[in-house]
Structure formats: structure tokens, C-alpha cells
């Protein structure tokens, strides 16, 4: 089996260096051929130098995508890859030694399965504040956390779905679909949903997915993300993503925005402000709902200009 590992990167050369260094410790079966495609998504740091340095020890190949947006970079990798099985991860991830072999073994044993996902363990730069630790389960999506499973293999249903930091797909999955370029990170924007849109499409097509317990990775969470501001920004991005995916419920509008969105934004913003000193569950729920509404309003207003 030929395996292609894809990493799309934007201006995170120091983290990318650690990610690629970790790949040198992978256990790779003698029956497996593999390559690593690193897509430089218009970086202006020393990403290319990092890739070149690791090419002396790894089967790594650099691709260049000048259009900003992770989906553009991922689609380029789809056109250039050699593999029958594609392993997707990020430039801020440390894979475990058995990661590649776990996915290969799952693909060989479960030939009817089209896509796979694995656990994502947070690797915090510093200890999270107490309020975040208390609510981490509720906002795990902010940090792309996927917990381990009790069984070696568990079917993937409608929720939860794998994150792009740790998933695998067969090449044939992309015969009819590719990544939607209006979705996914674009520079520093918190637009998401590029993998989720594809996974939901595949499930509707009747394709099957499987969680693989042994395909574990650690995902770096910088100190800057352990803040209320980051949680707000992430959920604003979720609201913008909702509009771009066409998932917004209609209603009577006020300056191009459904009135129910404006009402929920104001109500939840007031509640989250009043409850901010408590940092309790009700505060967090109101904060995230207000942020999602703020993102919806921003995206809709921007589309009118």
C-alpha cells in the first residue's frame, strides 16, 4: 500500500520543524511505501528551509499554493499525491510511533471503510486557566480534541466527526468531491468546516467511516488560545462558516440579517456580560451563542458590501 501524508502549512515553521522531526520516529512496515507532501500556502517565513532540511531524512516533497486558504492547499495535494491511502494532519501535531501503521492496518482489515479518524490529545503550551479546564469538554472543538475510545475500532456516525489534524481517507473518496474553497482557514481567519462538509457528504453517499484507537496524535495548543478572546473568535468563525455552508435558518430580516439572529445576539451578549465574573456553564453558553450570532452578522453584512 502506498500512503501519502498531507500537511498544509502557513507561517508556522518552528512548529512544522517539530512535526517533521517526530515523523522520523514513525514505525513503517516494510510492505508500505510512503511520502509526505507539505503544501506551503504562501508562507513568508523559513518554511521552505525547514522542509529542505528534513528531506535528507524523510520522503518529503514540498508543494507551493499561492492562493491563501487551506482548502486550496489541500486540493493541490489531492492532484499531486501518489498514495492510495491519504493521512491528513497539521503543522502543529506530534504523531505517535504507531500512527501510520495503525491507519494502514485498519484500511487493510476493513476494506469496505472509506475514511478513518483517530484520537487527538491536547498538548498545552502552559496549563489552562481554571475556568477553561472546567469547561474543556464543552468547547473541545475549539482545540480540535477527540478523546480515545474503549474499543480498537468504532464506527463513525454523524457526530462526532474526525478533525483534519488526524484523519485518513482512501483516494477514491475524492472521485466526486474535493475541499470547498470558501471553507477552511484562510490566513488568520477562523473559517472552518472544510473537513466536516466533506465527511457529511460522504456519509450521505453511504460511505462508511471508522475510528482507530491506536492512531493517536498530540495537538499543540499555544498559550494565546487559552483565553476567552480565542473562544469568542473561534465561535465567531463558526457563525461565518454556518453562513457559507448555507445552514442558516431564514426569517424576517433587518438590514440583511434575520431578526432572530440580532435578537439572540443581544440577549446572549447581555447574559454573558452579566455572568462573566462567574465563568459558569450558563456564562459560557451565552458567550458562545453571542459569538456565533456575531459571526453570522459579520458574514452577512460583508456579503452585502
C-alpha atoms as a PDB file:
ATOM      1  CA  UNK A   1       0.000   0.000   0.000  1.00  0.00           C
ATOM      2  CA  UNK A   2       1.236   3.478  -0.887  1.00  0.00           C
ATOM      3  CA  UNK A   3       0.487   6.116   1.762  1.00  0.00           C
ATOM      4  CA  UNK A   4       0.548   9.891   1.262  1.00  0.00           C
ATOM      5  CA  UNK A   5       0.735  12.102   4.352  1.00  0.00           C
ATOM      6  CA  UNK A   6      -0.510  15.666   3.743  1.00  0.00           C
ATOM      7  CA  UNK A   7       0.388  18.740   5.799  1.00  0.00           C
ATOM      8  CA  UNK A   8      -0.850  22.186   4.744  1.00  0.00           C
ATOM      9  CA  UNK A   9       1.128  24.952   6.424  1.00  0.00           C
ATOM     10  CA  UNK A  10       1.060  28.721   6.792  1.00  0.00           C
ATOM     11  CA  UNK A  11       3.825  30.606   8.631  1.00  0.00           C
ATOM     12  CA  UNK A  12       4.434  28.109  11.427  1.00  0.00           C
ATOM     13  CA  UNK A  13       7.887  26.886  10.548  1.00  0.00           C
ATOM     14  CA  UNK A  14       9.005  26.274  14.148  1.00  0.00           C
ATOM     15  CA  UNK A  15       6.063  24.004  14.845  1.00  0.00           C
ATOM     16  CA  UNK A  16       6.400  22.366  11.424  1.00  0.00           C
ATOM     17  CA  UNK A  17      10.026  21.581  12.279  1.00  0.00           C
ATOM     18  CA  UNK A  18       8.902  19.660  15.396  1.00  0.00           C
ATOM     19  CA  UNK A  19       6.138  17.908  13.476  1.00  0.00           C
ATOM     20  CA  UNK A  20       8.502  16.668  10.765  1.00  0.00           C
ATOM     21  CA  UNK A  21      11.145  15.722  13.299  1.00  0.00           C
ATOM     22  CA  UNK A  22       8.589  13.499  15.016  1.00  0.00           C
ATOM     23  CA  UNK A  23       7.916  11.689  11.728  1.00  0.00           C
ATOM     24  CA  UNK A  24      11.465  10.358  11.838  1.00  0.00           C
ATOM     25  CA  UNK A  25      10.422   8.101  14.745  1.00  0.00           C
ATOM     26  CA  UNK A  26       7.482   6.530  12.865  1.00  0.00           C
ATOM     27  CA  UNK A  27       7.342   2.753  12.624  1.00  0.00           C
ATOM     28  CA  UNK A  28       6.716   1.928   8.957  1.00  0.00           C
ATOM     29  CA  UNK A  29       6.026  -1.607   7.752  1.00  0.00           C
ATOM     30  CA  UNK A  30       8.317  -2.979   5.048  1.00  0.00           C
ATOM     31  CA  UNK A  31       5.196  -3.534   2.916  1.00  0.00           C
ATOM     32  CA  UNK A  32       4.303   0.177   2.979  1.00  0.00           C
ATOM     33  CA  UNK A  33       5.575   2.853   0.619  1.00  0.00           C
ATOM     34  CA  UNK A  34       5.036   6.411   1.751  1.00  0.00           C
ATOM     35  CA  UNK A  35       5.551  10.088   1.042  1.00  0.00           C
ATOM     36  CA  UNK A  36       4.947  13.349   2.900  1.00  0.00           C
ATOM     37  CA  UNK A  37       3.526  16.283   0.962  1.00  0.00           C
ATOM     38  CA  UNK A  38       3.992  19.631   2.707  1.00  0.00           C
ATOM     39  CA  UNK A  39       1.993  22.353   0.975  1.00  0.00           C
ATOM     40  CA  UNK A  40       3.456  25.807   1.504  1.00  0.00           C
ATOM     41  CA  UNK A  41       0.354  28.018   1.466  1.00  0.00           C
ATOM     42  CA  UNK A  42       2.100  31.289   0.588  1.00  0.00           C
ATOM     43  CA  UNK A  43       4.321  31.374   3.690  1.00  0.00           C
ATOM     44  CA  UNK A  44       6.780  34.228   4.194  1.00  0.00           C
ATOM     45  CA  UNK A  45       8.861  32.612   6.952  1.00  0.00           C
ATOM     46  CA  UNK A  46      11.565  29.925   6.604  1.00  0.00           C
ATOM     47  CA  UNK A  47       9.131  27.073   5.878  1.00  0.00           C
ATOM     48  CA  UNK A  48      10.957  26.008   2.718  1.00  0.00           C
ATOM     49  CA  UNK A  49      14.272  25.775   4.553  1.00  0.00           C
ATOM     50  CA  UNK A  50      12.668  23.557   7.212  1.00  0.00           C
ATOM     51  CA  UNK A  51      11.212  21.248   4.544  1.00  0.00           C
ATOM     52  CA  UNK A  52      14.533  21.042   2.719  1.00  0.00           C
ATOM     53  CA  UNK A  53      16.387  20.166   5.907  1.00  0.00           C
ATOM     54  CA  UNK A  54      14.052  17.276   6.667  1.00  0.00           C
ATOM     55  CA  UNK A  55      14.135  15.963   3.094  1.00  0.00           C
ATOM     56  CA  UNK A  56      17.528  14.427   3.913  1.00  0.00           C
ATOM     57  CA  UNK A  57      15.830  12.023   6.340  1.00  0.00           C
ATOM     58  CA  UNK A  58      12.209  11.774   5.203  1.00  0.00           C
ATOM     59  CA  UNK A  59      10.379  11.160   1.895  1.00  0.00           C
ATOM     60  CA  UNK A  60       9.079  14.710   1.994  1.00  0.00           C
ATOM     61  CA  UNK A  61       8.089  16.765  -1.036  1.00  0.00           C
ATOM     62  CA  UNK A  62       7.308  20.482  -0.998  1.00  0.00           C
ATOM     63  CA  UNK A  63       4.344  21.908  -2.935  1.00  0.00           C
ATOM     64  CA  UNK A  64       3.517  25.587  -3.402  1.00  0.00           C
ATOM     65  CA  UNK A  65       0.000  27.045  -3.323  1.00  0.00           C
ATOM     66  CA  UNK A  66      -0.021  30.864  -3.573  1.00  0.00           C
ATOM     67  CA  UNK A  67      -3.768  31.296  -3.068  1.00  0.00           C
ATOM     68  CA  UNK A  68      -4.487  31.801   0.653  1.00  0.00           C
ATOM     69  CA  UNK A  69      -6.734  29.124   2.107  1.00  0.00           C
ATOM     70  CA  UNK A  70      -6.178  25.636   3.478  1.00  0.00           C
ATOM     71  CA  UNK A  71      -8.720  24.159   1.063  1.00  0.00           C
ATOM     72  CA  UNK A  72      -6.731  25.410  -1.939  1.00  0.00           C
ATOM     73  CA  UNK A  73      -3.632  23.788  -0.443  1.00  0.00           C
ATOM     74  CA  UNK A  74      -5.429  20.505   0.290  1.00  0.00           C
ATOM     75  CA  UNK A  75      -6.864  20.333  -3.228  1.00  0.00           C
ATOM     76  CA  UNK A  76      -3.377  20.817  -4.674  1.00  0.00           C
ATOM     77  CA  UNK A  77      -2.171  17.869  -2.590  1.00  0.00           C
ATOM     78  CA  UNK A  78      -5.028  15.766  -3.985  1.00  0.00           C
ATOM     79  CA  UNK A  79      -3.811  16.474  -7.514  1.00  0.00           C
ATOM     80  CA  UNK A  80      -0.171  15.689  -6.709  1.00  0.00           C
ATOM     81  CA  UNK A  81      -0.399  12.709  -4.350  1.00  0.00           C
ATOM     82  CA  UNK A  82       0.718   9.199  -5.217  1.00  0.00           C
ATOM     83  CA  UNK A  83      -0.972   7.320  -2.386  1.00  0.00           C
ATOM     84  CA  UNK A  84      -3.984   5.025  -2.252  1.00  0.00           C
ATOM     85  CA  UNK A  85      -4.466   5.997   1.403  1.00  0.00           C
ATOM     86  CA  UNK A  86      -4.163   9.655   2.445  1.00  0.00           C
ATOM     87  CA  UNK A  87      -3.257  10.568   6.030  1.00  0.00           C
ATOM     88  CA  UNK A  88      -4.165  14.145   6.945  1.00  0.00           C
ATOM     89  CA  UNK A  89      -2.517  16.035   9.785  1.00  0.00           C
ATOM     90  CA  UNK A  90      -1.399  19.564  10.679  1.00  0.00           C
ATOM     91  CA  UNK A  91       1.821  21.504  11.132  1.00  0.00           C
ATOM     92  CA  UNK A  92       1.341  21.660  14.925  1.00  0.00           C
ATOM     93  CA  UNK A  93       0.885  17.945  15.599  1.00  0.00           C
ATOM     94  CA  UNK A  94       3.115  15.220  17.049  1.00  0.00           C
ATOM     95  CA  UNK A  95       2.181  11.756  15.776  1.00  0.00           C
ATOM     96  CA  UNK A  96       2.809   8.636  17.837  1.00  0.00           C
ATOM     97  CA  UNK A  97       5.234   5.990  16.569  1.00  0.00           C
ATOM     98  CA  UNK A  98       2.484   3.607  15.506  1.00  0.00           C
ATOM     99  CA  UNK A  99       0.246   6.234  13.885  1.00  0.00           C
ATOM    100  CA  UNK A 100       0.889   5.372  10.240  1.00  0.00           C
ATOM    101  CA  UNK A 101       0.821   1.607  10.764  1.00  0.00           C
ATOM    102  CA  UNK A 102      -2.446   1.867  12.732  1.00  0.00           C
ATOM    103  CA  UNK A 103      -4.214   3.500   9.795  1.00  0.00           C
ATOM    104  CA  UNK A 104      -2.651   1.125   7.266  1.00  0.00           C
ATOM    105  CA  UNK A 105      -3.713  -1.912   9.289  1.00  0.00           C
ATOM    106  CA  UNK A 106      -7.250  -0.507   9.660  1.00  0.00           C
ATOM    107  CA  UNK A 107      -7.501   0.112   5.903  1.00  0.00           C
ATOM    108  CA  UNK A 108      -6.298  -3.410   5.123  1.00  0.00           C
ATOM    109  CA  UNK A 109      -8.605  -5.119   7.620  1.00  0.00           C
ATOM    110  CA  UNK A 110     -11.698  -3.034   6.863  1.00  0.00           C
ATOM    111  CA  UNK A 111     -11.726  -2.849   3.074  1.00  0.00           C
ATOM    112  CA  UNK A 112     -15.344  -1.603   2.996  1.00  0.00           C
ATOM    113  CA  UNK A 113     -14.474   1.507   5.060  1.00  0.00           C
ATOM    114  CA  UNK A 114     -13.678   4.715   3.160  1.00  0.00           C
ATOM    115  CA  UNK A 115     -12.407   7.091   5.846  1.00  0.00           C
ATOM    116  CA  UNK A 116     -10.912   6.940   9.329  1.00  0.00           C
ATOM    117  CA  UNK A 117     -10.238   9.151  12.341  1.00  0.00           C
ATOM    118  CA  UNK A 118      -8.150   8.921  15.481  1.00  0.00           C
ATOM    119  CA  UNK A 119      -7.765  10.451  18.948  1.00  0.00           C
ATOM    120  CA  UNK A 120      -6.355  13.981  19.270  1.00  0.00           C
ATOM    121  CA  UNK A 121      -4.789  14.701  22.645  1.00  0.00           C
ATOM    122  CA  UNK A 122      -4.226  18.372  23.601  1.00  0.00           C
ATOM    123  CA  UNK A 123      -0.576  19.385  24.080  1.00  0.00           C
ATOM    124  CA  UNK A 124      -0.867  22.617  26.057  1.00  0.00           C
ATOM    125  CA  UNK A 125       1.982  25.117  25.945  1.00  0.00           C
ATOM    126  CA  UNK A 126       1.039  26.060  29.512  1.00  0.00           C
ATOM    127  CA  UNK A 127      -1.604  24.952  31.998  1.00  0.00           C
ATOM    128  CA  UNK A 128      -5.069  26.208  31.015  1.00  0.00           C
ATOM    129  CA  UNK A 129      -6.824  28.622  33.377  1.00  0.00           C
ATOM    130  CA  UNK A 130      -9.252  27.049  35.850  1.00  0.00           C
ATOM    131  CA  UNK A 131     -12.394  28.178  34.012  1.00  0.00           C
ATOM    132  CA  UNK A 132     -11.211  26.614  30.757  1.00  0.00           C
ATOM    133  CA  UNK A 133     -10.255  23.331  32.420  1.00  0.00           C
ATOM    134  CA  UNK A 134     -13.748  23.133  33.925  1.00  0.00           C
ATOM    135  CA  UNK A 135     -15.435  23.636  30.565  1.00  0.00           C
ATOM    136  CA  UNK A 136     -12.928  21.917  28.267  1.00  0.00           C
ATOM    137  CA  UNK A 137     -15.325  19.111  27.353  1.00  0.00           C
ATOM    138  CA  UNK A 138     -17.999  21.622  26.303  1.00  0.00           C
ATOM    139  CA  UNK A 139     -15.680  23.555  23.992  1.00  0.00           C
ATOM    140  CA  UNK A 140     -13.394  20.742  22.858  1.00  0.00           C
ATOM    141  CA  UNK A 141     -13.984  21.705  19.213  1.00  0.00           C
ATOM    142  CA  UNK A 142     -12.095  24.957  19.845  1.00  0.00           C
ATOM    143  CA  UNK A 143      -8.962  22.866  20.372  1.00  0.00           C
ATOM    144  CA  UNK A 144      -9.686  20.007  17.932  1.00  0.00           C
ATOM    145  CA  UNK A 145      -9.811  17.464  20.771  1.00  0.00           C
ATOM    146  CA  UNK A 146     -11.018  13.938  20.086  1.00  0.00           C
ATOM    147  CA  UNK A 147     -10.924  11.556  23.034  1.00  0.00           C
ATOM    148  CA  UNK A 148      -9.732   7.957  22.932  1.00  0.00           C
ATOM    149  CA  UNK A 149     -12.193   5.099  22.621  1.00  0.00           C
ATOM    150  CA  UNK A 150     -12.763   1.942  24.622  1.00  0.00           C
ATOM    151  CA  UNK A 151     -12.704  -0.340  21.557  1.00  0.00           C
ATOM    152  CA  UNK A 152      -9.948  -0.607  18.908  1.00  0.00           C
ATOM    153  CA  UNK A 153     -12.395   0.268  16.128  1.00  0.00           C
ATOM    154  CA  UNK A 154     -15.638   2.247  16.451  1.00  0.00           C
ATOM    155  CA  UNK A 155     -17.979   3.239  13.563  1.00  0.00           C
ATOM    156  CA  UNK A 156     -18.112   6.944  12.776  1.00  0.00           C
ATOM    157  CA  UNK A 157     -21.613   8.395  12.915  1.00  0.00           C
ATOM    158  CA  UNK A 158     -22.999  11.856  12.270  1.00  0.00           C
ATOM    159  CA  UNK A 159     -21.336  13.193  15.443  1.00  0.00           C
ATOM    160  CA  UNK A 160     -18.611  13.475  16.450  1.00  0.00           C
ATOM    161  CA  UNK A 161     -16.626  13.585  13.220  1.00  0.00           C
ATOM    162  CA  UNK A 162     -12.851  13.477  12.725  1.00  0.00           C
ATOM    163  CA  UNK A 163     -10.803  16.646  12.554  1.00  0.00           C
ATOM    164  CA  UNK A 164      -8.261  17.319   9.816  1.00  0.00           C
ATOM    165  CA  UNK A 165      -5.454  17.161  12.373  1.00  0.00           C
ATOM    166  CA  UNK A 166      -5.891  13.383  12.435  1.00  0.00           C
ATOM    167  CA  UNK A 167      -7.850  11.567   9.777  1.00  0.00           C
ATOM    168  CA  UNK A 168      -7.293   9.201   6.856  1.00  0.00           C
ATOM    169  CA  UNK A 169      -9.166   8.758   3.599  1.00  0.00           C
ATOM    170  CA  UNK A 170      -9.000   6.460   0.649  1.00  0.00           C
ATOM    171  CA  UNK A 171      -8.149   8.140  -2.628  1.00  0.00           C
ATOM    172  CA  UNK A 172     -11.489   7.074  -4.115  1.00  0.00           C
ATOM    173  CA  UNK A 173     -13.353   9.317  -1.640  1.00  0.00           C
ATOM    174  CA  UNK A 174     -12.367  12.284  -3.774  1.00  0.00           C
ATOM    175  CA  UNK A 175     -13.587  10.915  -7.105  1.00  0.00           C
ATOM    176  CA  UNK A 176     -16.733  13.046  -6.796  1.00  0.00           C
ATOM    177  CA  UNK A 177     -15.753  15.661  -4.190  1.00  0.00           C
ATOM    178  CA  UNK A 178     -12.913  17.978  -3.216  1.00  0.00           C
ATOM    179  CA  UNK A 179     -12.491  20.601  -0.493  1.00  0.00           C
ATOM    180  CA  UNK A 180     -14.821  23.620  -0.724  1.00  0.00           C
ATOM    181  CA  UNK A 181     -12.512  26.613  -1.146  1.00  0.00           C
ATOM    182  CA  UNK A 182     -14.882  29.027   0.646  1.00  0.00           C
ATOM    183  CA  UNK A 183     -14.482  26.908   3.778  1.00  0.00           C
ATOM    184  CA  UNK A 184     -11.417  26.272   5.913  1.00  0.00           C
ATOM    185  CA  UNK A 185      -8.752  28.538   7.448  1.00  0.00           C
ATOM    186  CA  UNK A 186      -7.666  31.456   5.274  1.00  0.00           C
ATOM    187  CA  UNK A 187      -4.672  33.257   6.744  1.00  0.00           C
ATOM    188  CA  UNK A 188      -5.639  34.119  10.306  1.00  0.00           C
ATOM    189  CA  UNK A 189      -9.409  33.931   9.714  1.00  0.00           C
ATOM    190  CA  UNK A 190     -11.300  31.416  11.857  1.00  0.00           C
ATOM    191  CA  UNK A 191     -13.345  29.980   8.983  1.00  0.00           C
ATOM    192  CA  UNK A 192     -13.638  26.205   9.448  1.00  0.00           C
ATOM    193  CA  UNK A 193     -15.755  23.307   8.268  1.00  0.00           C
ATOM    194  CA  UNK A 194     -13.857  22.121   5.191  1.00  0.00           C
ATOM    195  CA  UNK A 195     -13.432  18.568   6.505  1.00  0.00           C
ATOM    196  CA  UNK A 196     -16.865  18.438   8.141  1.00  0.00           C
ATOM    197  CA  UNK A 197     -18.597  19.351   4.874  1.00  0.00           C
ATOM    198  CA  UNK A 198     -16.821  16.530   3.054  1.00  0.00           C
ATOM    199  CA  UNK A 199     -17.413  13.961   5.786  1.00  0.00           C
ATOM    200  CA  UNK A 200     -21.131  14.747   5.914  1.00  0.00           C
ATOM    201  CA  UNK A 201     -21.319  14.444   2.127  1.00  0.00           C
ATOM    202  CA  UNK A 202     -19.615  11.061   2.232  1.00  0.00           C
ATOM    203  CA  UNK A 203     -21.943   9.784   4.948  1.00  0.00           C
ATOM    204  CA  UNK A 204     -24.949  10.882   2.860  1.00  0.00           C
ATOM    205  CA  UNK A 205     -23.445   8.974  -0.079  1.00  0.00           C
ATOM    206  CA  UNK A 206     -23.395   5.868   2.089  1.00  0.00           C
ATOM    207  CA  UNK A 207     -19.637   5.737   2.644  1.00  0.00           C
ATOM    208  CA  UNK A 208     -18.542   4.261   5.968  1.00  0.00           C
ATOM    209  CA  UNK A 209     -16.057   5.629   8.494  1.00  0.00           C
ATOM    210  CA  UNK A 210     -14.172   4.104  11.412  1.00  0.00           C
ATOM    211  CA  UNK A 211     -12.420   5.462  14.498  1.00  0.00           C
ATOM    212  CA  UNK A 212      -8.986   3.882  15.007  1.00  0.00           C
ATOM    213  CA  UNK A 213      -7.947   3.851  18.660  1.00  0.00           C
ATOM    214  CA  UNK A 214      -4.207   3.387  18.034  1.00  0.00           C
ATOM    215  CA  UNK A 215      -3.892   6.244  15.518  1.00  0.00           C
ATOM    216  CA  UNK A 216      -3.162   8.863  18.175  1.00  0.00           C
ATOM    217  CA  UNK A 217      -1.623  12.318  17.876  1.00  0.00           C
ATOM    218  CA  UNK A 218      -0.872  15.263  20.149  1.00  0.00           C
ATOM    219  CA  UNK A 219      -2.066  18.694  19.044  1.00  0.00           C
ATOM    220  CA  UNK A 220      -0.221  21.820  20.186  1.00  0.00           C
ATOM    221  CA  UNK A 221      -2.372  24.436  21.942  1.00  0.00           C
ATOM    222  CA  UNK A 222      -0.429  27.714  22.330  1.00  0.00           C
ATOM    223  CA  UNK A 223      -0.887  29.941  25.354  1.00  0.00           C
ATOM    224  CA  UNK A 224      -2.588  32.567  23.178  1.00  0.00           C
ATOM    225  CA  UNK A 225      -5.524  30.216  22.606  1.00  0.00           C
ATOM    226  CA  UNK A 226      -6.191  29.619  26.292  1.00  0.00           C
ATOM    227  CA  UNK A 227      -8.232  32.787  26.540  1.00  0.00           C
ATOM    228  CA  UNK A 228     -11.818  33.980  26.490  1.00  0.00           C
ATOM    229  CA  UNK A 229     -10.956  36.012  23.395  1.00  0.00           C
ATOM    230  CA  UNK A 230      -9.921  32.919  21.443  1.00  0.00           C
ATOM    231  CA  UNK A 231     -13.114  31.087  22.412  1.00  0.00           C
ATOM    232  CA  UNK A 232     -15.074  34.116  21.171  1.00  0.00           C
ATOM    233  CA  UNK A 233     -13.124  34.324  17.891  1.00  0.00           C
ATOM    234  CA  UNK A 234     -13.479  30.586  17.257  1.00  0.00           C
ATOM    235  CA  UNK A 235     -17.251  30.717  17.631  1.00  0.00           C
ATOM    236  CA  UNK A 236     -17.473  33.863  15.504  1.00  0.00           C
ATOM    237  CA  UNK A 237     -15.739  31.802  12.831  1.00  0.00           C
ATOM    238  CA  UNK A 238     -18.315  29.053  13.369  1.00  0.00           C
ATOM    239  CA  UNK A 239     -21.070  31.579  12.674  1.00  0.00           C
ATOM    240  CA  UNK A 240     -19.366  32.760   9.492  1.00  0.00           C
ATOM    241  CA  UNK A 241     -18.899  29.140   8.433  1.00  0.00           C
ATOM    242  CA  UNK A 242     -22.592  28.468   9.017  1.00  0.00           C
ATOM    243  CA  UNK A 243     -23.498  31.208   6.542  1.00  0.00           C
ATOM    244  CA  UNK A 244     -21.021  29.984   3.939  1.00  0.00           C
ATOM    245  CA  UNK A 245     -22.380  26.444   4.175  1.00  0.00           C
ATOM    246  CA  UNK A 246     -25.945  27.675   3.692  1.00  0.00           C
ATOM    247  CA  UNK A 247     -27.072  26.301   7.063  1.00  0.00           C
ATOM    248  CA  UNK A 248     -28.738  29.491   8.301  1.00  0.00           C
ATOM    249  CA  UNK A 249     -32.447  29.325   9.120  1.00  0.00           C
ATOM    250  CA  UNK A 250     -34.402  32.048   7.255  1.00  0.00           C
ATOM    251  CA  UNK A 251     -36.559  34.720   8.837  1.00  0.00           C
ATOM    252  CA  UNK A 252     -37.690  38.323   8.564  1.00  0.00           C
ATOM    253  CA  UNK A 253     -34.632  40.473   8.034  1.00  0.00           C
ATOM    254  CA  UNK A 254     -33.217  43.658   9.498  1.00  0.00           C
ATOM    255  CA  UNK A 255     -30.614  45.242   7.198  1.00  0.00           C
ATOM    256  CA  UNK A 256     -29.937  41.877   5.547  1.00  0.00           C
ATOM    257  CA  UNK A 257     -29.733  39.893   8.806  1.00  0.00           C
ATOM    258  CA  UNK A 258     -32.503  37.635  10.162  1.00  0.00           C
ATOM    259  CA  UNK A 259     -34.117  39.356  13.128  1.00  0.00           C
ATOM    260  CA  UNK A 260     -33.843  36.206  15.245  1.00  0.00           C
ATOM    261  CA  UNK A 261     -30.043  36.375  14.890  1.00  0.00           C
ATOM    262  CA  UNK A 262     -29.957  40.005  16.057  1.00  0.00           C
ATOM    263  CA  UNK A 263     -32.270  39.203  18.974  1.00  0.00           C
ATOM    264  CA  UNK A 264     -30.222  36.195  20.093  1.00  0.00           C
ATOM    265  CA  UNK A 265     -27.003  38.174  19.751  1.00  0.00           C
ATOM    266  CA  UNK A 266     -28.214  40.979  22.016  1.00  0.00           C
ATOM    267  CA  UNK A 267     -29.835  38.672  24.578  1.00  0.00           C
ATOM    268  CA  UNK A 268     -26.827  36.372  24.906  1.00  0.00           C
ATOM    269  CA  UNK A 269     -24.327  39.217  24.913  1.00  0.00           C
ATOM    270  CA  UNK A 270     -26.140  40.797  27.872  1.00  0.00           C
ATOM    271  CA  UNK A 271     -26.268  37.485  29.753  1.00  0.00           C
ATOM    272  CA  UNK A 272     -22.608  36.667  29.127  1.00  0.00           C
ATOM    273  CA  UNK A 273     -21.549  40.152  30.236  1.00  0.00           C
ATOM    274  CA  UNK A 274     -23.551  39.939  33.467  1.00  0.00           C
ATOM    275  CA  UNK A 275     -22.329  36.426  34.260  1.00  0.00           C
ATOM    276  CA  UNK A 276     -18.721  36.995  33.250  1.00  0.00           C
ATOM    277  CA  UNK A 277     -17.417  37.074  36.850  1.00  0.00           C
ATOM    278  CA  UNK A 278     -18.870  33.598  37.496  1.00  0.00           C
ATOM    279  CA  UNK A 279     -17.341  31.817  34.483  1.00  0.00           C
ATOM    280  CA  UNK A 280     -20.083  29.201  34.939  1.00  0.00           C
ATOM    281  CA  UNK A 281     -21.752  26.983  32.334  1.00  0.00           C
ATOM    282  CA  UNK A 282     -24.550  29.474  31.654  1.00  0.00           C
ATOM    283  CA  UNK A 283     -21.983  32.227  31.035  1.00  0.00           C
ATOM    284  CA  UNK A 284     -20.092  30.042  28.577  1.00  0.00           C
ATOM    285  CA  UNK A 285     -23.254  29.043  26.736  1.00  0.00           C
ATOM    286  CA  UNK A 286     -24.319  32.656  26.341  1.00  0.00           C
ATOM    287  CA  UNK A 287     -20.812  33.724  25.279  1.00  0.00           C
ATOM    288  CA  UNK A 288     -20.543  31.116  22.539  1.00  0.00           C
ATOM    289  CA  UNK A 289     -24.082  31.762  21.240  1.00  0.00           C
ATOM    290  CA  UNK A 290     -23.436  35.513  21.119  1.00  0.00           C
ATOM    291  CA  UNK A 291     -20.164  34.892  19.270  1.00  0.00           C
ATOM    292  CA  UNK A 292     -21.834  32.637  16.699  1.00  0.00           C
ATOM    293  CA  UNK A 293     -24.516  35.286  16.079  1.00  0.00           C
ATOM    294  CA  UNK A 294     -21.811  37.956  15.801  1.00  0.00           C
ATOM    295  CA  UNK A 295     -20.083  35.848  13.149  1.00  0.00           C
ATOM    296  CA  UNK A 296     -23.329  35.363  11.246  1.00  0.00           C
ATOM    297  CA  UNK A 297     -23.999  39.115  11.266  1.00  0.00           C
ATOM    298  CA  UNK A 298     -20.424  39.872  10.156  1.00  0.00           C
ATOM    299  CA  UNK A 299     -20.556  37.401   7.254  1.00  0.00           C
ATOM    300  CA  UNK A 300     -23.981  38.533   6.052  1.00  0.00           C
ATOM    301  CA  UNK A 301     -23.106  42.224   6.244  1.00  0.00           C
ATOM    302  CA  UNK A 302     -19.809  41.606   4.461  1.00  0.00           C
ATOM    303  CA  UNK A 303     -21.630  39.804   1.644  1.00  0.00           C
ATOM    304  CA  UNK A 304     -23.735  42.910   1.039  1.00  0.00           C
ATOM    305  CA  UNK A 305     -20.742  45.224   0.511  1.00  0.00           C
END
